[in-house]
Amino acid sequence: MATIITEECINCGACEPECPNGAITQGDDIYIINADLCTECVGFHDEEACAAVCPVDCCVPDPARPETEEQNYAKLATIHADKTFPALGELPANLSRFRKA
């Protein structure tokens, strides 16, 4: 699922610089996540970086947009076409929340 920022957002901005995909921007009242750029940090972290730094836990999975690790990884390759990532089958657990035991 892409991650969303709920209305509980206090507009602190902690999340924006943490996003490796540049998916987070400041909206009128709260920060927002562009779902087309959100990969749930697959390829970068074992948890969503925005959720890890959010002081009010308002960065949550979007139930309206379920996505698999494969879908997120495909977006990653498109967003970061200039970078090389391990093959999905070789992706270590510290680079995807989907691989947590």
N, C-alpha and C. Protein backbone atom coordinates (compact mmCIF):
# COMPACT_ATOMS: atom_id res chain seq x y z
N MET A 1 0.84 -1.18 0.00
CA MET A 1 0.00 0.00 0.00
C MET A 1 0.88 1.24 0.00
N ALA A 2 0.48 2.19 -0.73
CA ALA A 2 1.16 3.47 -0.62
C ALA A 2 0.87 4.00 0.78
N THR A 3 1.74 4.84 1.26
CA THR A 3 1.56 5.43 2.58
C THR A 3 0.82 6.76 2.41
N ILE A 4 -0.01 7.09 3.37
CA ILE A 4 -0.70 8.38 3.38
C ILE A 4 -0.39 9.09 4.69
N ILE A 5 -0.64 10.38 4.70
CA ILE A 5 -0.49 11.18 5.92
C ILE A 5 -1.90 11.59 6.32
N THR A 6 -2.27 11.25 7.54
CA THR A 6 -3.63 11.53 8.01
C THR A 6 -3.76 12.97 8.50
N GLU A 7 -4.99 13.34 8.81
CA GLU A 7 -5.28 14.70 9.28
C GLU A 7 -4.67 15.00 10.65
N GLU A 8 -4.15 13.99 11.31
CA GLU A 8 -3.48 14.22 12.60
C GLU A 8 -2.12 14.89 12.43
N CYS A 9 -1.67 15.04 11.19
CA CYS A 9 -0.39 15.67 10.88
C CYS A 9 -0.31 17.04 11.56
N ILE A 10 0.82 17.30 12.23
CA ILE A 10 1.02 18.58 12.90
C ILE A 10 1.87 19.53 12.05
N ASN A 11 2.13 19.13 10.79
CA ASN A 11 2.83 19.97 9.84
C ASN A 11 4.26 20.30 10.29
N CYS A 12 4.90 19.33 10.94
CA CYS A 12 6.25 19.57 11.47
C CYS A 12 7.33 19.47 10.40
N GLY A 13 7.06 18.71 9.32
CA GLY A 13 8.02 18.59 8.24
C GLY A 13 9.10 17.56 8.43
N ALA A 14 9.06 16.78 9.49
CA ALA A 14 10.10 15.78 9.74
C ALA A 14 10.16 14.73 8.64
N CYS A 15 9.04 14.43 8.04
CA CYS A 15 8.95 13.36 7.05
C CYS A 15 9.55 13.72 5.69
N GLU A 16 9.37 14.94 5.27
CA GLU A 16 9.72 15.35 3.90
C GLU A 16 11.17 15.01 3.52
N PRO A 17 12.16 15.40 4.30
CA PRO A 17 13.54 15.11 3.87
C PRO A 17 13.92 13.63 3.98
N GLU A 18 13.12 12.84 4.68
CA GLU A 18 13.43 11.43 4.86
C GLU A 18 13.02 10.56 3.67
N CYS A 19 12.12 11.05 2.83
CA CYS A 19 11.60 10.26 1.71
C CYS A 19 12.65 10.12 0.62
N PRO A 20 13.08 8.89 0.32
CA PRO A 20 14.11 8.71 -0.70
C PRO A 20 13.60 8.93 -2.12
N ASN A 21 12.28 9.06 -2.27
CA ASN A 21 11.68 9.22 -3.59
C ASN A 21 11.16 10.63 -3.85
N GLY A 22 11.26 11.52 -2.89
CA GLY A 22 10.74 12.87 -3.05
C GLY A 22 9.22 12.89 -3.19
N ALA A 23 8.56 11.92 -2.55
CA ALA A 23 7.10 11.78 -2.68
C ALA A 23 6.33 12.69 -1.73
N ILE A 24 6.99 13.29 -0.75
CA ILE A 24 6.29 14.07 0.27
C ILE A 24 6.48 15.56 0.01
N THR A 25 5.35 16.27 0.02
CA THR A 25 5.38 17.72 -0.14
C THR A 25 4.43 18.37 0.86
N GLN A 26 4.63 19.64 1.09
CA GLN A 26 3.77 20.35 2.02
C GLN A 26 2.49 20.75 1.31
N GLY A 27 1.35 20.36 1.89
CA GLY A 27 0.06 20.77 1.36
C GLY A 27 -0.39 22.04 2.06
N ASP A 28 -1.66 22.38 1.91
CA ASP A 28 -2.18 23.59 2.55
C ASP A 28 -2.15 23.50 4.07
N ASP A 29 -2.61 22.37 4.61
CA ASP A 29 -2.69 22.22 6.06
C ASP A 29 -1.79 21.12 6.61
N ILE A 30 -1.54 20.10 5.80
CA ILE A 30 -0.71 18.98 6.23
C ILE A 30 0.21 18.57 5.08
N TYR A 31 1.18 17.75 5.39
CA TYR A 31 2.04 17.21 4.35
C TYR A 31 1.26 16.13 3.61
N ILE A 32 1.60 15.93 2.34
CA ILE A 32 0.92 14.93 1.54
C ILE A 32 1.94 14.04 0.83
N ILE A 33 1.52 12.83 0.50
CA ILE A 33 2.38 11.88 -0.19
C ILE A 33 1.80 11.60 -1.56
N ASN A 34 2.63 11.74 -2.58
CA ASN A 34 2.23 11.38 -3.94
C ASN A 34 2.33 9.86 -4.04
N ALA A 35 1.19 9.19 -4.12
CA ALA A 35 1.16 7.73 -4.13
C ALA A 35 1.91 7.14 -5.32
N ASP A 36 1.99 7.87 -6.41
CA ASP A 36 2.71 7.38 -7.58
C ASP A 36 4.22 7.35 -7.35
N LEU A 37 4.69 8.08 -6.36
CA LEU A 37 6.13 8.10 -6.04
C LEU A 37 6.45 7.31 -4.77
N CYS A 38 5.44 6.91 -4.02
CA CYS A 38 5.67 6.19 -2.77
C CYS A 38 5.91 4.71 -3.06
N THR A 39 7.05 4.22 -2.61
CA THR A 39 7.39 2.80 -2.76
C THR A 39 7.46 2.12 -1.40
N GLU A 40 6.93 2.77 -0.38
CA GLU A 40 7.01 2.26 0.99
C GLU A 40 8.46 2.00 1.38
N CYS A 41 9.36 2.75 0.77
CA CYS A 41 10.80 2.70 1.00
C CYS A 41 11.44 1.37 0.59
N VAL A 42 10.73 0.56 -0.20
CA VAL A 42 11.32 -0.67 -0.74
C VAL A 42 12.57 -0.28 -1.52
N GLY A 43 13.66 -0.97 -1.27
CA GLY A 43 14.93 -0.68 -1.92
C GLY A 43 15.82 0.25 -1.11
N PHE A 44 15.24 0.86 -0.07
CA PHE A 44 16.00 1.79 0.77
C PHE A 44 16.02 1.43 2.25
N HIS A 45 14.87 1.04 2.80
CA HIS A 45 14.76 0.81 4.24
C HIS A 45 13.83 -0.37 4.53
N ASP A 46 13.89 -0.88 5.75
CA ASP A 46 13.01 -1.98 6.15
C ASP A 46 11.71 -1.49 6.78
N GLU A 47 11.50 -0.19 6.76
CA GLU A 47 10.23 0.41 7.20
C GLU A 47 10.12 1.75 6.48
N GLU A 48 8.91 2.29 6.45
CA GLU A 48 8.73 3.58 5.80
C GLU A 48 9.46 4.65 6.61
N ALA A 49 10.35 5.37 5.97
CA ALA A 49 11.15 6.38 6.65
C ALA A 49 10.29 7.48 7.24
N CYS A 50 9.22 7.85 6.54
CA CYS A 50 8.35 8.91 7.05
C CYS A 50 7.69 8.48 8.35
N ALA A 51 7.22 7.25 8.40
CA ALA A 51 6.57 6.74 9.61
C ALA A 51 7.56 6.64 10.77
N ALA A 52 8.81 6.32 10.46
CA ALA A 52 9.82 6.17 11.50
C ALA A 52 10.12 7.48 12.21
N VAL A 53 10.00 8.62 11.51
CA VAL A 53 10.34 9.90 12.12
C VAL A 53 9.12 10.72 12.55
N CYS A 54 7.94 10.28 12.21
CA CYS A 54 6.72 11.04 12.51
C CYS A 54 6.45 11.05 14.01
N PRO A 55 6.37 12.23 14.62
CA PRO A 55 6.14 12.29 16.07
C PRO A 55 4.71 11.99 16.49
N VAL A 56 3.77 11.98 15.54
CA VAL A 56 2.37 11.72 15.90
C VAL A 56 1.80 10.49 15.20
N ASP A 57 2.64 9.69 14.59
CA ASP A 57 2.22 8.44 13.93
C ASP A 57 1.09 8.64 12.93
N CYS A 58 1.22 9.64 12.08
CA CYS A 58 0.16 9.89 11.09
C CYS A 58 0.54 9.41 9.69
N CYS A 59 1.68 8.79 9.53
CA CYS A 59 2.08 8.20 8.24
C CYS A 59 1.70 6.72 8.30
N VAL A 60 0.63 6.39 7.60
CA VAL A 60 0.06 5.04 7.70
C VAL A 60 -0.21 4.47 6.32
N PRO A 61 -0.33 3.14 6.21
CA PRO A 61 -0.67 2.52 4.92
C PRO A 61 -2.04 3.00 4.44
N ASP A 62 -2.16 3.21 3.14
CA ASP A 62 -3.42 3.65 2.54
C ASP A 62 -4.23 2.41 2.14
N PRO A 63 -5.31 2.12 2.87
CA PRO A 63 -6.10 0.92 2.55
C PRO A 63 -6.77 0.99 1.18
N ALA A 64 -6.88 2.18 0.62
CA ALA A 64 -7.49 2.34 -0.69
C ALA A 64 -6.51 2.03 -1.83
N ARG A 65 -5.25 1.83 -1.48
CA ARG A 65 -4.23 1.61 -2.52
C ARG A 65 -3.28 0.48 -2.12
N PRO A 66 -3.77 -0.74 -2.07
CA PRO A 66 -2.88 -1.86 -1.72
C PRO A 66 -1.87 -2.12 -2.84
N GLU A 67 -0.61 -2.32 -2.46
CA GLU A 67 0.44 -2.61 -3.43
C GLU A 67 1.35 -3.69 -2.88
N THR A 68 1.83 -4.53 -3.75
CA THR A 68 2.74 -5.60 -3.37
C THR A 68 4.18 -5.10 -3.40
N GLU A 69 5.06 -5.90 -2.87
CA GLU A 69 6.48 -5.58 -2.94
C GLU A 69 6.91 -5.45 -4.40
N GLU A 70 6.40 -6.33 -5.24
CA GLU A 70 6.74 -6.29 -6.66
C GLU A 70 6.31 -4.98 -7.31
N GLN A 71 5.11 -4.52 -6.99
CA GLN A 71 4.63 -3.26 -7.55
C GLN A 71 5.48 -2.09 -7.07
N ASN A 72 5.82 -2.08 -5.79
CA ASN A 72 6.66 -1.01 -5.26
C ASN A 72 8.05 -1.04 -5.87
N TYR A 73 8.58 -2.23 -6.07
CA TYR A 73 9.91 -2.36 -6.64
C TYR A 73 9.92 -1.88 -8.10
N ALA A 74 8.84 -2.15 -8.82
CA ALA A 74 8.73 -1.68 -10.21
C ALA A 74 8.70 -0.15 -10.24
N LYS A 75 7.97 0.46 -9.31
CA LYS A 75 7.96 1.93 -9.24
C LYS A 75 9.35 2.46 -8.93
N LEU A 76 10.05 1.78 -8.03
CA LEU A 76 11.40 2.18 -7.64
C LEU A 76 12.31 2.25 -8.88
N ALA A 77 12.25 1.22 -9.71
CA ALA A 77 13.09 1.18 -10.91
C ALA A 77 12.76 2.32 -11.87
N THR A 78 11.51 2.73 -11.92
CA THR A 78 11.10 3.84 -12.79
C THR A 78 11.52 5.18 -12.20
N ILE A 79 11.28 5.35 -10.91
CA ILE A 79 11.61 6.62 -10.24
C ILE A 79 13.12 6.87 -10.24
N HIS A 80 13.88 5.82 -10.01
CA HIS A 80 15.34 5.93 -9.91
C HIS A 80 16.02 5.17 -11.05
N ALA A 81 15.63 5.47 -12.27
CA ALA A 81 16.17 4.77 -13.44
C ALA A 81 17.69 4.92 -13.57
N ASP A 82 18.24 5.94 -12.93
CA ASP A 82 19.68 6.19 -12.99
C ASP A 82 20.48 5.40 -11.96
N LYS A 83 19.79 4.65 -11.09
CA LYS A 83 20.47 3.90 -10.04
C LYS A 83 20.32 2.40 -10.28
N THR A 84 21.22 1.65 -9.68
CA THR A 84 21.18 0.20 -9.77
C THR A 84 20.80 -0.38 -8.42
N PHE A 85 19.83 -1.28 -8.42
CA PHE A 85 19.37 -1.94 -7.21
C PHE A 85 19.53 -3.44 -7.41
N PRO A 86 19.66 -4.20 -6.31
CA PRO A 86 19.72 -5.66 -6.46
C PRO A 86 18.44 -6.17 -7.11
N ALA A 87 18.51 -7.33 -7.73
CA ALA A 87 17.30 -7.95 -8.27
C ALA A 87 16.33 -8.18 -7.11
N LEU A 88 15.04 -8.14 -7.40
CA LEU A 88 14.04 -8.27 -6.34
C LEU A 88 14.25 -9.54 -5.52
N GLY A 89 14.57 -10.63 -6.16
CA GLY A 89 14.80 -11.89 -5.45
C GLY A 89 16.01 -11.86 -4.53
N GLU A 90 16.92 -10.92 -4.76
CA GLU A 90 18.13 -10.80 -3.96
C GLU A 90 18.08 -9.63 -2.97
N LEU A 91 16.96 -8.95 -2.93
CA LEU A 91 16.82 -7.79 -2.05
C LEU A 91 16.92 -8.23 -0.60
N PRO A 92 17.87 -7.69 0.18
CA PRO A 92 18.01 -8.10 1.58
C PRO A 92 16.89 -7.54 2.45
N ALA A 93 16.67 -8.17 3.58
CA ALA A 93 15.59 -7.80 4.50
C ALA A 93 15.69 -6.37 4.97
N ASN A 94 16.89 -5.81 5.05
CA ASN A 94 17.01 -4.43 5.54
C ASN A 94 16.63 -3.39 4.47
N LEU A 95 16.18 -3.85 3.30
CA LEU A 95 15.78 -2.94 2.24
C LEU A 95 14.30 -3.10 1.84
N SER A 96 13.54 -3.83 2.64
CA SER A 96 12.11 -3.98 2.34
C SER A 96 11.36 -4.47 3.56
N ARG A 97 10.29 -3.75 3.93
CA ARG A 97 9.48 -4.16 5.05
C ARG A 97 8.76 -5.47 4.78
N PHE A 98 8.61 -5.84 3.52
CA PHE A 98 7.96 -7.07 3.14
C PHE A 98 8.79 -8.30 3.51
N ARG A 99 10.05 -8.10 3.81
CA ARG A 99 10.95 -9.22 4.10
C ARG A 99 11.20 -9.42 5.59
N LYS A 100 10.49 -8.70 6.40
CA LYS A 100 10.63 -8.88 7.85
C LYS A 100 10.04 -10.22 8.25
N ALA A 101 10.71 -10.88 9.15
CA ALA A 101 10.22 -12.20 9.61
C ALA A 101 9.14 -12.07 10.64
